[in-house]
Amino acid sequence: VTRSLPISLQSCQCLAWKPRPAGVWRRPGESQHVVAGYSDGTVRVFSVSRTEMELKMHPHAAALTAVTYSTDGEMILSGGKDGIVAVSSPRTGMTIHVLADHKGSPITVLQCTRKQLWLAASSDRRVSVWGSDWLQDKCELLDWLSFPAPAGPEGLDSLPPSLAAFCPWEHGVLVYVGFGLQKEALFYSLRKKQVLRKISLPAFATSLSLSPAAPFMALGFGDRLLRLQPCPAGAPQDYAGHDDSVHLCRFAPSGRRLLTASHSAVLVWELPGA
């Protein structure tokens, strides 16, 4: 640990680094920033180098469950336990949009792309895809996906999360995993409005990340398993380095490293062939 940021009586539920626009290098002395979502419904922006909070907004009435920056860093998207998604400006501190399409179900994922597309997934197996023009203050719903699942599952204390991500190596495709009729990853085409292919999984995934450098994905499972899966097909590689459910997978922007986390361990994996 090189720095610690100030804490409060509320708990931090989620956070994200502020991205750097493509082709722009960080100037000497320029601070990096992170945005954090809290249990009291606030969104807070911190300077890493100065270890201080620079902005506090309150766009939610419920605890936050997901937060991210737009790819240009000009907007903050946040999602709450009540399913509300807010779009806020860190420059002005104002909330520009409040979207209630997922109301009633906690937001599990928020992700933006450089083509002004972004998605939200909620725990009721729904995914919404949006097109935005931040400069023109536009936010348009482009697609609404709902994935079926058996009713009244038995033997599960809590359902696996509903997770979705845009596919970096296949334009206009998103990948979805979650509790459903089958244990599988679904590749959905936004243009054709249909599932293109399915990859069978050994269990329902608890975490998902897609490599930005090569066509494969990382999946974590509740039985401590980490799987690296080539796409669209190929023999998977399974690893058992964790002592609990692998609830987080994140590829580095280079695709050469993978960070995974369980209840009591955070592991960093080197991927020399990526």
C-alpha atoms as a PDB file:
ATOM      1  CA  VAL A   1       0.000   0.000   0.000  1.00  0.00           C
ATOM      2  CA  THR A   2       1.584   3.281  -1.121  1.00  0.00           C
ATOM      3  CA  ARG A   3      -1.237   5.667  -0.211  1.00  0.00           C
ATOM      4  CA  SER A   4      -4.468   5.594   1.773  1.00  0.00           C
ATOM      5  CA  LEU A   5      -7.481   7.704   0.938  1.00  0.00           C
ATOM      6  CA  PRO A   6      -9.677   9.279   3.639  1.00  0.00           C
ATOM      7  CA  ILE A   7     -12.595   7.133   4.787  1.00  0.00           C
ATOM      8  CA  SER A   8     -15.940   7.922   6.340  1.00  0.00           C
ATOM      9  CA  LEU A   9     -18.566   6.175   8.427  1.00  0.00           C
ATOM     10  CA  GLN A  10     -20.208   4.888   5.233  1.00  0.00           C
ATOM     11  CA  SER A  11     -18.720   1.914   3.415  1.00  0.00           C
ATOM     12  CA  CYS A  12     -17.244   2.084  -0.074  1.00  0.00           C
ATOM     13  CA  GLN A  13     -19.160  -0.349  -2.301  1.00  0.00           C
ATOM     14  CA  CYS A  14     -17.456   0.115  -5.689  1.00  0.00           C
ATOM     15  CA  LEU A  15     -14.800   2.235  -7.389  1.00  0.00           C
ATOM     16  CA  ALA A  16     -13.200   2.957 -10.756  1.00  0.00           C
ATOM     17  CA  TRP A  17     -10.103   4.707 -12.073  1.00  0.00           C
ATOM     18  CA  LYS A  18     -10.539   7.779 -14.237  1.00  0.00           C
ATOM     19  CA  PRO A  19      -9.427   6.812 -17.763  1.00  0.00           C
ATOM     20  CA  ARG A  20      -7.005   8.798 -19.841  1.00  0.00           C
ATOM     21  CA  PRO A  21      -8.184   9.815 -23.305  1.00  0.00           C
ATOM     22  CA  ALA A  22      -6.479   7.888 -26.105  1.00  0.00           C
ATOM     23  CA  GLY A  23      -3.139   9.420 -27.101  1.00  0.00           C
ATOM     24  CA  VAL A  24      -2.954  11.772 -24.090  1.00  0.00           C
ATOM     25  CA  TRP A  25      -0.053  11.260 -21.682  1.00  0.00           C
ATOM     26  CA  ARG A  26      -0.167  12.244 -18.031  1.00  0.00           C
ATOM     27  CA  ARG A  27       1.707  15.472 -17.386  1.00  0.00           C
ATOM     28  CA  PRO A  28       4.314  15.631 -14.591  1.00  0.00           C
ATOM     29  CA  GLY A  29       2.591  16.420 -11.308  1.00  0.00           C
ATOM     30  CA  GLU A  30      -0.874  15.693 -12.699  1.00  0.00           C
ATOM     31  CA  SER A  31      -2.969  13.689 -10.258  1.00  0.00           C
ATOM     32  CA  GLN A  32      -4.765  10.463 -11.009  1.00  0.00           C
ATOM     33  CA  HIS A  33      -8.351  10.199  -9.834  1.00  0.00           C
ATOM     34  CA  VAL A  34     -10.683   7.467  -8.665  1.00  0.00           C
ATOM     35  CA  VAL A  35     -14.437   7.582  -8.227  1.00  0.00           C
ATOM     36  CA  ALA A  36     -16.065   5.633  -5.408  1.00  0.00           C
ATOM     37  CA  GLY A  37     -19.678   4.737  -4.700  1.00  0.00           C
ATOM     38  CA  TYR A  38     -20.852   4.587  -1.079  1.00  0.00           C
ATOM     39  CA  SER A  39     -23.556   2.917   0.974  1.00  0.00           C
ATOM     40  CA  ASP A  40     -25.235   6.283   1.667  1.00  0.00           C
ATOM     41  CA  GLY A  41     -25.908   6.898  -2.040  1.00  0.00           C
ATOM     42  CA  THR A  42     -23.048   9.337  -2.564  1.00  0.00           C
ATOM     43  CA  VAL A  43     -20.476   9.396  -5.349  1.00  0.00           C
ATOM     44  CA  ARG A  44     -17.068  10.740  -4.336  1.00  0.00           C
ATOM     45  CA  VAL A  45     -14.054  11.657  -6.464  1.00  0.00           C
ATOM     46  CA  PHE A  46     -10.604  11.365  -4.910  1.00  0.00           C
ATOM     47  CA  SER A  47      -7.196  12.640  -5.964  1.00  0.00           C
ATOM     48  CA  VAL A  48      -4.738   9.785  -5.538  1.00  0.00           C
ATOM     49  CA  SER A  49      -1.574  11.879  -5.291  1.00  0.00           C
ATOM     50  CA  ARG A  50      -3.093  14.396  -2.866  1.00  0.00           C
ATOM     51  CA  THR A  51      -5.006  11.673  -0.966  1.00  0.00           C
ATOM     52  CA  GLU A  52      -8.027  13.909  -0.583  1.00  0.00           C
ATOM     53  CA  MET A  53     -11.642  14.020  -1.675  1.00  0.00           C
ATOM     54  CA  GLU A  54     -12.249  16.632  -4.387  1.00  0.00           C
ATOM     55  CA  LEU A  55     -15.963  16.152  -5.063  1.00  0.00           C
ATOM     56  CA  LYS A  56     -18.985  14.634  -3.360  1.00  0.00           C
ATOM     57  CA  MET A  57     -22.332  14.177  -5.127  1.00  0.00           C
ATOM     58  CA  HIS A  58     -25.540  12.559  -3.912  1.00  0.00           C
ATOM     59  CA  PRO A  59     -27.421  11.220  -6.959  1.00  0.00           C
ATOM     60  CA  HIS A  60     -28.864   8.127  -5.234  1.00  0.00           C
ATOM     61  CA  ALA A  61     -31.261   7.371  -2.394  1.00  0.00           C
ATOM     62  CA  ALA A  62     -29.921   3.824  -2.008  1.00  0.00           C
ATOM     63  CA  ALA A  63     -26.488   2.254  -1.646  1.00  0.00           C
ATOM     64  CA  LEU A  64     -24.358   2.182  -4.776  1.00  0.00           C
ATOM     65  CA  THR A  65     -23.516  -1.147  -6.386  1.00  0.00           C
ATOM     66  CA  ALA A  66     -21.640  -0.062  -9.559  1.00  0.00           C
ATOM     67  CA  VAL A  67     -19.747   2.996 -10.789  1.00  0.00           C
ATOM     68  CA  THR A  68     -17.623   3.881 -13.811  1.00  0.00           C
ATOM     69  CA  TYR A  69     -16.326   6.793 -15.874  1.00  0.00           C
ATOM     70  CA  SER A  70     -17.190   7.460 -19.494  1.00  0.00           C
ATOM     71  CA  THR A  71     -14.165   6.657 -21.654  1.00  0.00           C
ATOM     72  CA  ASP A  72     -13.265  10.347 -21.976  1.00  0.00           C
ATOM     73  CA  GLY A  73     -13.546  10.859 -18.211  1.00  0.00           C
ATOM     74  CA  GLU A  74     -16.143  13.604 -18.635  1.00  0.00           C
ATOM     75  CA  MET A  75     -19.071  11.753 -17.059  1.00  0.00           C
ATOM     76  CA  ILE A  76     -19.597   9.414 -14.124  1.00  0.00           C
ATOM     77  CA  LEU A  77     -22.173   6.640 -14.385  1.00  0.00           C
ATOM     78  CA  SER A  78     -23.434   5.147 -11.130  1.00  0.00           C
ATOM     79  CA  GLY A  79     -25.937   2.434 -10.310  1.00  0.00           C
ATOM     80  CA  GLY A  80     -27.722   1.700  -7.067  1.00  0.00           C
ATOM     81  CA  LYS A  81     -29.162  -1.180  -5.104  1.00  0.00           C
ATOM     82  CA  ASP A  82     -32.627   0.059  -6.120  1.00  0.00           C
ATOM     83  CA  GLY A  83     -31.814  -0.222  -9.844  1.00  0.00           C
ATOM     84  CA  ILE A  84     -31.530   3.513 -10.494  1.00  0.00           C
ATOM     85  CA  VAL A  85     -28.729   4.631 -12.857  1.00  0.00           C
ATOM     86  CA  ALA A  86     -27.429   8.213 -12.692  1.00  0.00           C
ATOM     87  CA  VAL A  87     -25.212  10.121 -15.115  1.00  0.00           C
ATOM     88  CA  SER A  88     -23.324  12.967 -13.413  1.00  0.00           C
ATOM     89  CA  SER A  89     -20.724  15.538 -14.422  1.00  0.00           C
ATOM     90  CA  PRO A  90     -17.583  15.677 -12.250  1.00  0.00           C
ATOM     91  CA  ARG A  91     -16.879  19.148 -13.674  1.00  0.00           C
ATOM     92  CA  THR A  92     -20.118  20.724 -12.425  1.00  0.00           C
ATOM     93  CA  GLY A  93     -21.135  18.254  -9.717  1.00  0.00           C
ATOM     94  CA  MET A  94     -24.600  18.026 -11.255  1.00  0.00           C
ATOM     95  CA  THR A  95     -26.584  14.893 -12.122  1.00  0.00           C
ATOM     96  CA  ILE A  96     -27.657  15.127 -15.761  1.00  0.00           C
ATOM     97  CA  HIS A  97     -29.738  11.980 -16.206  1.00  0.00           C
ATOM     98  CA  VAL A  98     -31.585   9.671 -13.820  1.00  0.00           C
ATOM     99  CA  LEU A  99     -32.671   6.429 -15.503  1.00  0.00           C
ATOM    100  CA  ALA A 100     -35.228   4.137 -13.857  1.00  0.00           C
ATOM    101  CA  ASP A 101     -35.384   1.361 -16.485  1.00  0.00           C
ATOM    102  CA  HIS A 102     -33.847  -1.199 -14.090  1.00  0.00           C
ATOM    103  CA  LYS A 103     -35.758   0.064 -11.049  1.00  0.00           C
ATOM    104  CA  GLY A 104     -36.267  -2.576  -8.372  1.00  0.00           C
ATOM    105  CA  SER A 105     -33.206  -4.701  -9.139  1.00  0.00           C
ATOM    106  CA  PRO A 106     -29.609  -3.895  -8.080  1.00  0.00           C
ATOM    107  CA  ILE A 107     -27.249  -2.767 -10.823  1.00  0.00           C
ATOM    108  CA  THR A 108     -24.424  -5.287 -11.188  1.00  0.00           C
ATOM    109  CA  VAL A 109     -22.390  -3.838 -14.084  1.00  0.00           C
ATOM    110  CA  LEU A 110     -21.832  -0.505 -15.817  1.00  0.00           C
ATOM    111  CA  GLN A 111     -19.464  -0.355 -18.796  1.00  0.00           C
ATOM    112  CA  CYS A 112     -18.654   2.287 -21.407  1.00  0.00           C
ATOM    113  CA  THR A 113     -16.937   2.025 -24.796  1.00  0.00           C
ATOM    114  CA  ARG A 114     -15.095   4.608 -26.883  1.00  0.00           C
ATOM    115  CA  LYS A 115     -17.934   4.666 -29.413  1.00  0.00           C
ATOM    116  CA  GLN A 116     -20.250   6.361 -26.878  1.00  0.00           C
ATOM    117  CA  LEU A 117     -22.012   3.097 -26.156  1.00  0.00           C
ATOM    118  CA  TRP A 118     -22.577   1.910 -22.623  1.00  0.00           C
ATOM    119  CA  LEU A 119     -24.457  -0.860 -20.895  1.00  0.00           C
ATOM    120  CA  ALA A 120     -26.067  -1.571 -17.560  1.00  0.00           C
ATOM    121  CA  ALA A 121     -26.829  -5.028 -16.169  1.00  0.00           C
ATOM    122  CA  SER A 122     -29.042  -5.786 -13.189  1.00  0.00           C
ATOM    123  CA  SER A 123     -29.472  -8.807 -10.963  1.00  0.00           C
ATOM    124  CA  ASP A 124     -32.821  -9.745 -12.561  1.00  0.00           C
ATOM    125  CA  ARG A 125     -30.935 -10.853 -15.732  1.00  0.00           C
ATOM    126  CA  ARG A 126     -31.679  -7.722 -17.740  1.00  0.00           C
ATOM    127  CA  VAL A 127     -29.157  -5.746 -19.788  1.00  0.00           C
ATOM    128  CA  SER A 128     -29.785  -2.321 -21.326  1.00  0.00           C
ATOM    129  CA  VAL A 129     -27.573  -0.838 -24.059  1.00  0.00           C
ATOM    130  CA  TRP A 130     -27.416   2.933 -24.507  1.00  0.00           C
ATOM    131  CA  GLY A 131     -26.075   5.410 -27.014  1.00  0.00           C
ATOM    132  CA  SER A 132     -24.943   8.761 -25.655  1.00  0.00           C
ATOM    133  CA  ASP A 133     -23.588  12.049 -26.889  1.00  0.00           C
ATOM    134  CA  TRP A 134     -22.294  13.690 -23.736  1.00  0.00           C
ATOM    135  CA  LEU A 135     -21.662  17.057 -25.431  1.00  0.00           C
ATOM    136  CA  GLN A 136     -25.231  17.177 -26.747  1.00  0.00           C
ATOM    137  CA  ASP A 137     -26.721  15.874 -23.496  1.00  0.00           C
ATOM    138  CA  LYS A 138     -28.268  12.889 -25.293  1.00  0.00           C
ATOM    139  CA  CYS A 139     -28.898   9.460 -23.815  1.00  0.00           C
ATOM    140  CA  GLU A 140     -30.904   6.952 -25.876  1.00  0.00           C
ATOM    141  CA  LEU A 141     -31.930   3.366 -25.106  1.00  0.00           C
ATOM    142  CA  LEU A 142     -30.799   1.199 -28.044  1.00  0.00           C
ATOM    143  CA  ASP A 143     -31.473  -2.351 -26.884  1.00  0.00           C
ATOM    144  CA  TRP A 144     -33.090  -4.191 -23.991  1.00  0.00           C
ATOM    145  CA  LEU A 145     -32.127  -7.786 -23.259  1.00  0.00           C
ATOM    146  CA  SER A 146     -33.831 -10.178 -20.878  1.00  0.00           C
ATOM    147  CA  PHE A 147     -32.396 -13.637 -20.238  1.00  0.00           C
ATOM    148  CA  PRO A 148     -34.652 -16.491 -19.038  1.00  0.00           C
ATOM    149  CA  ALA A 149     -34.038 -18.545 -15.911  1.00  0.00           C
ATOM    150  CA  PRO A 150     -35.851 -21.303 -14.041  1.00  0.00           C
ATOM    151  CA  ALA A 151     -38.270 -20.160 -11.369  1.00  0.00           C
ATOM    152  CA  GLY A 152     -37.680 -20.690  -7.662  1.00  0.00           C
ATOM    153  CA  PRO A 153     -34.173 -22.192  -7.582  1.00  0.00           C
ATOM    154  CA  GLU A 154     -33.501 -24.414  -4.614  1.00  0.00           C
ATOM    155  CA  GLY A 155     -30.212 -24.886  -2.820  1.00  0.00           C
ATOM    156  CA  LEU A 156     -28.818 -21.463  -3.729  1.00  0.00           C
ATOM    157  CA  ASP A 157     -28.386 -18.995  -0.867  1.00  0.00           C
ATOM    158  CA  SER A 158     -27.888 -16.205  -3.373  1.00  0.00           C
ATOM    159  CA  LEU A 159     -28.113 -16.257  -7.143  1.00  0.00           C
ATOM    160  CA  PRO A 160     -24.976 -15.804  -9.247  1.00  0.00           C
ATOM    161  CA  PRO A 161     -24.606 -12.235 -10.518  1.00  0.00           C
ATOM    162  CA  SER A 162     -25.824 -11.105 -13.922  1.00  0.00           C
ATOM    163  CA  LEU A 163     -22.709  -9.895 -15.769  1.00  0.00           C
ATOM    164  CA  ALA A 164     -22.252  -8.380 -19.224  1.00  0.00           C
ATOM    165  CA  ALA A 165     -19.384  -6.820 -21.192  1.00  0.00           C
ATOM    166  CA  PHE A 166     -18.799  -5.456 -24.675  1.00  0.00           C
ATOM    167  CA  CYS A 167     -16.575  -7.740 -26.725  1.00  0.00           C
ATOM    168  CA  PRO A 168     -13.279  -5.927 -27.539  1.00  0.00           C
ATOM    169  CA  TRP A 169     -12.367  -8.155 -30.482  1.00  0.00           C
ATOM    170  CA  GLU A 170     -15.841  -8.469 -32.086  1.00  0.00           C
ATOM    171  CA  HIS A 171     -17.579  -5.198 -32.924  1.00  0.00           C
ATOM    172  CA  GLY A 172     -21.226  -4.918 -31.922  1.00  0.00           C
ATOM    173  CA  VAL A 173     -21.218  -8.007 -29.693  1.00  0.00           C
ATOM    174  CA  LEU A 174     -21.663  -8.303 -25.956  1.00  0.00           C
ATOM    175  CA  VAL A 175     -21.039 -11.282 -23.683  1.00  0.00           C
ATOM    176  CA  TYR A 176     -23.463 -12.252 -20.935  1.00  0.00           C
ATOM    177  CA  VAL A 177     -23.163 -14.714 -18.041  1.00  0.00           C
ATOM    178  CA  GLY A 178     -25.579 -15.273 -15.177  1.00  0.00           C
ATOM    179  CA  PHE A 179     -28.091 -17.605 -13.596  1.00  0.00           C
ATOM    180  CA  GLY A 180     -30.129 -19.162 -16.385  1.00  0.00           C
ATOM    181  CA  LEU A 181     -31.485 -22.283 -18.007  1.00  0.00           C
ATOM    182  CA  GLN A 182     -27.945 -23.479 -18.793  1.00  0.00           C
ATOM    183  CA  LYS A 183     -24.465 -22.837 -17.423  1.00  0.00           C
ATOM    184  CA  GLU A 184     -23.039 -20.913 -20.368  1.00  0.00           C
ATOM    185  CA  ALA A 185     -21.638 -17.670 -21.752  1.00  0.00           C
ATOM    186  CA  LEU A 186     -23.787 -16.049 -24.434  1.00  0.00           C
ATOM    187  CA  PHE A 187     -22.444 -13.917 -27.305  1.00  0.00           C
ATOM    188  CA  TYR A 188     -25.197 -11.514 -28.418  1.00  0.00           C
ATOM    189  CA  SER A 189     -25.113  -9.437 -31.621  1.00  0.00           C
ATOM    190  CA  LEU A 190     -26.515  -5.931 -31.207  1.00  0.00           C
ATOM    191  CA  ARG A 191     -26.919  -5.654 -34.986  1.00  0.00           C
ATOM    192  CA  LYS A 192     -28.623  -8.994 -35.610  1.00  0.00           C
ATOM    193  CA  LYS A 193     -30.554  -8.898 -32.312  1.00  0.00           C
ATOM    194  CA  GLN A 194     -29.774 -12.530 -31.576  1.00  0.00           C
ATOM    195  CA  VAL A 195     -27.409 -14.860 -29.754  1.00  0.00           C
ATOM    196  CA  LEU A 196     -24.555 -15.767 -32.117  1.00  0.00           C
ATOM    197  CA  ARG A 197     -22.935 -18.530 -30.070  1.00  0.00           C
ATOM    198  CA  LYS A 198     -22.774 -20.142 -26.678  1.00  0.00           C
ATOM    199  CA  ILE A 199     -19.846 -21.494 -24.649  1.00  0.00           C
ATOM    200  CA  SER A 200     -20.618 -24.116 -22.026  1.00  0.00           C
ATOM    201  CA  LEU A 201     -19.273 -23.487 -18.522  1.00  0.00           C
ATOM    202  CA  PRO A 202     -18.637 -25.856 -15.592  1.00  0.00           C
ATOM    203  CA  ALA A 203     -20.807 -23.741 -13.273  1.00  0.00           C
ATOM    204  CA  PHE A 204     -22.527 -20.359 -13.095  1.00  0.00           C
ATOM    205  CA  ALA A 205     -19.849 -17.657 -13.268  1.00  0.00           C
ATOM    206  CA  THR A 206     -19.310 -15.225 -10.413  1.00  0.00           C
ATOM    207  CA  SER A 207     -17.012 -12.852 -12.318  1.00  0.00           C
ATOM    208  CA  LEU A 208     -16.148 -12.003 -15.928  1.00  0.00           C
ATOM    209  CA  SER A 209     -13.509 -10.041 -17.823  1.00  0.00           C
ATOM    210  CA  LEU A 210     -12.680  -9.915 -21.537  1.00  0.00           C
ATOM    211  CA  SER A 211      -9.104  -9.431 -22.697  1.00  0.00           C
ATOM    212  CA  PRO A 212      -8.499  -6.196 -24.645  1.00  0.00           C
ATOM    213  CA  ALA A 213      -5.470  -7.734 -26.379  1.00  0.00           C
ATOM    214  CA  ALA A 214      -6.511 -11.228 -27.481  1.00  0.00           C
ATOM    215  CA  PRO A 215      -9.749 -13.175 -28.081  1.00  0.00           C
ATOM    216  CA  PHE A 216     -10.196 -14.862 -24.743  1.00  0.00           C
ATOM    217  CA  MET A 217     -12.009 -14.211 -21.496  1.00  0.00           C
ATOM    218  CA  ALA A 218     -11.472 -14.854 -17.811  1.00  0.00           C
ATOM    219  CA  LEU A 219     -14.240 -16.298 -15.663  1.00  0.00           C
ATOM    220  CA  GLY A 220     -14.346 -16.836 -11.917  1.00  0.00           C
ATOM    221  CA  PHE A 221     -16.537 -19.404 -10.181  1.00  0.00           C
ATOM    222  CA  GLY A 222     -17.878 -20.120  -6.721  1.00  0.00           C
ATOM    223  CA  ASP A 223     -15.792 -23.263  -6.284  1.00  0.00           C
ATOM    224  CA  ARG A 224     -12.505 -21.261  -6.294  1.00  0.00           C
ATOM    225  CA  LEU A 225     -11.922 -21.933  -9.991  1.00  0.00           C
ATOM    226  CA  LEU A 226     -10.476 -19.414 -12.455  1.00  0.00           C
ATOM    227  CA  ARG A 227     -10.894 -20.247 -16.144  1.00  0.00           C
ATOM    228  CA  LEU A 228      -9.166 -18.693 -19.168  1.00  0.00           C
ATOM    229  CA  GLN A 229     -11.404 -19.421 -22.144  1.00  0.00           C
ATOM    230  CA  PRO A 230     -10.249 -18.900 -25.772  1.00  0.00           C
ATOM    231  CA  CYS A 231     -12.933 -17.470 -28.057  1.00  0.00           C
ATOM    232  CA  PRO A 232     -14.831 -18.362 -30.121  1.00  0.00           C
ATOM    233  CA  ALA A 233     -13.622 -21.911 -29.362  1.00  0.00           C
ATOM    234  CA  GLY A 234     -10.679 -23.729 -27.875  1.00  0.00           C
ATOM    235  CA  ALA A 235      -9.562 -25.726 -24.868  1.00  0.00           C
ATOM    236  CA  PRO A 236      -9.960 -23.737 -21.632  1.00  0.00           C
ATOM    237  CA  GLN A 237      -7.239 -23.423 -18.997  1.00  0.00           C
ATOM    238  CA  ASP A 238      -8.374 -23.880 -15.389  1.00  0.00           C
ATOM    239  CA  TYR A 239      -6.542 -22.624 -12.287  1.00  0.00           C
ATOM    240  CA  ALA A 240      -7.267 -23.139  -8.592  1.00  0.00           C
ATOM    241  CA  GLY A 241      -5.218 -20.485  -6.813  1.00  0.00           C
ATOM    242  CA  HIS A 242      -7.978 -19.027  -4.619  1.00  0.00           C
ATOM    243  CA  ASP A 243      -9.378 -20.179  -1.298  1.00  0.00           C
ATOM    244  CA  ASP A 244     -12.921 -18.931  -1.906  1.00  0.00           C
ATOM    245  CA  SER A 245     -15.328 -17.780  -4.612  1.00  0.00           C
ATOM    246  CA  VAL A 246     -13.566 -15.733  -7.304  1.00  0.00           C
ATOM    247  CA  HIS A 247     -15.808 -12.669  -7.250  1.00  0.00           C
ATOM    248  CA  LEU A 248     -13.661 -10.335  -9.361  1.00  0.00           C
ATOM    249  CA  CYS A 249     -11.633 -10.644 -12.584  1.00  0.00           C
ATOM    250  CA  ARG A 250     -10.003  -7.660 -14.296  1.00  0.00           C
ATOM    251  CA  PHE A 251      -7.601  -7.610 -17.226  1.00  0.00           C
ATOM    252  CA  ALA A 252      -4.992  -4.861 -17.320  1.00  0.00           C
ATOM    253  CA  PRO A 253      -5.352  -2.512 -20.334  1.00  0.00           C
ATOM    254  CA  SER A 254      -2.337  -4.224 -21.950  1.00  0.00           C
ATOM    255  CA  GLY A 255      -3.987  -7.624 -21.588  1.00  0.00           C
ATOM    256  CA  ARG A 256      -0.722  -9.047 -20.186  1.00  0.00           C
ATOM    257  CA  ARG A 257      -1.879  -9.197 -16.587  1.00  0.00           C
ATOM    258  CA  LEU A 258      -5.047 -10.359 -14.903  1.00  0.00           C
ATOM    259  CA  LEU A 259      -6.182  -9.387 -11.412  1.00  0.00           C
ATOM    260  CA  THR A 260      -8.532 -11.734  -9.535  1.00  0.00           C
ATOM    261  CA  ALA A 261      -9.987 -11.460  -6.058  1.00  0.00           C
ATOM    262  CA  SER A 262     -11.713 -13.720  -3.536  1.00  0.00           C
ATOM    263  CA  HIS A 263     -12.764 -13.089   0.063  1.00  0.00           C
ATOM    264  CA  SER A 264      -9.247 -13.064   1.521  1.00  0.00           C
ATOM    265  CA  ALA A 265      -6.851 -12.892  -1.452  1.00  0.00           C
ATOM    266  CA  VAL A 266      -6.040 -10.730  -4.453  1.00  0.00           C
ATOM    267  CA  LEU A 267      -3.907 -12.431  -7.097  1.00  0.00           C
ATOM    268  CA  VAL A 268      -2.095 -10.940 -10.091  1.00  0.00           C
ATOM    269  CA  TRP A 269      -1.504 -13.323 -12.997  1.00  0.00           C
ATOM    270  CA  GLU A 270       1.123 -12.846 -15.703  1.00  0.00           C
ATOM    271  CA  LEU A 271      -0.095 -13.736 -19.198  1.00  0.00           C
ATOM    272  CA  PRO A 272       3.076 -13.789 -21.330  1.00  0.00           C
ATOM    273  CA  GLY A 273       1.318 -15.125 -24.426  1.00  0.00           C
ATOM    274  CA  ALA A 274      -1.315 -12.363 -24.495  1.00  0.00           C
END
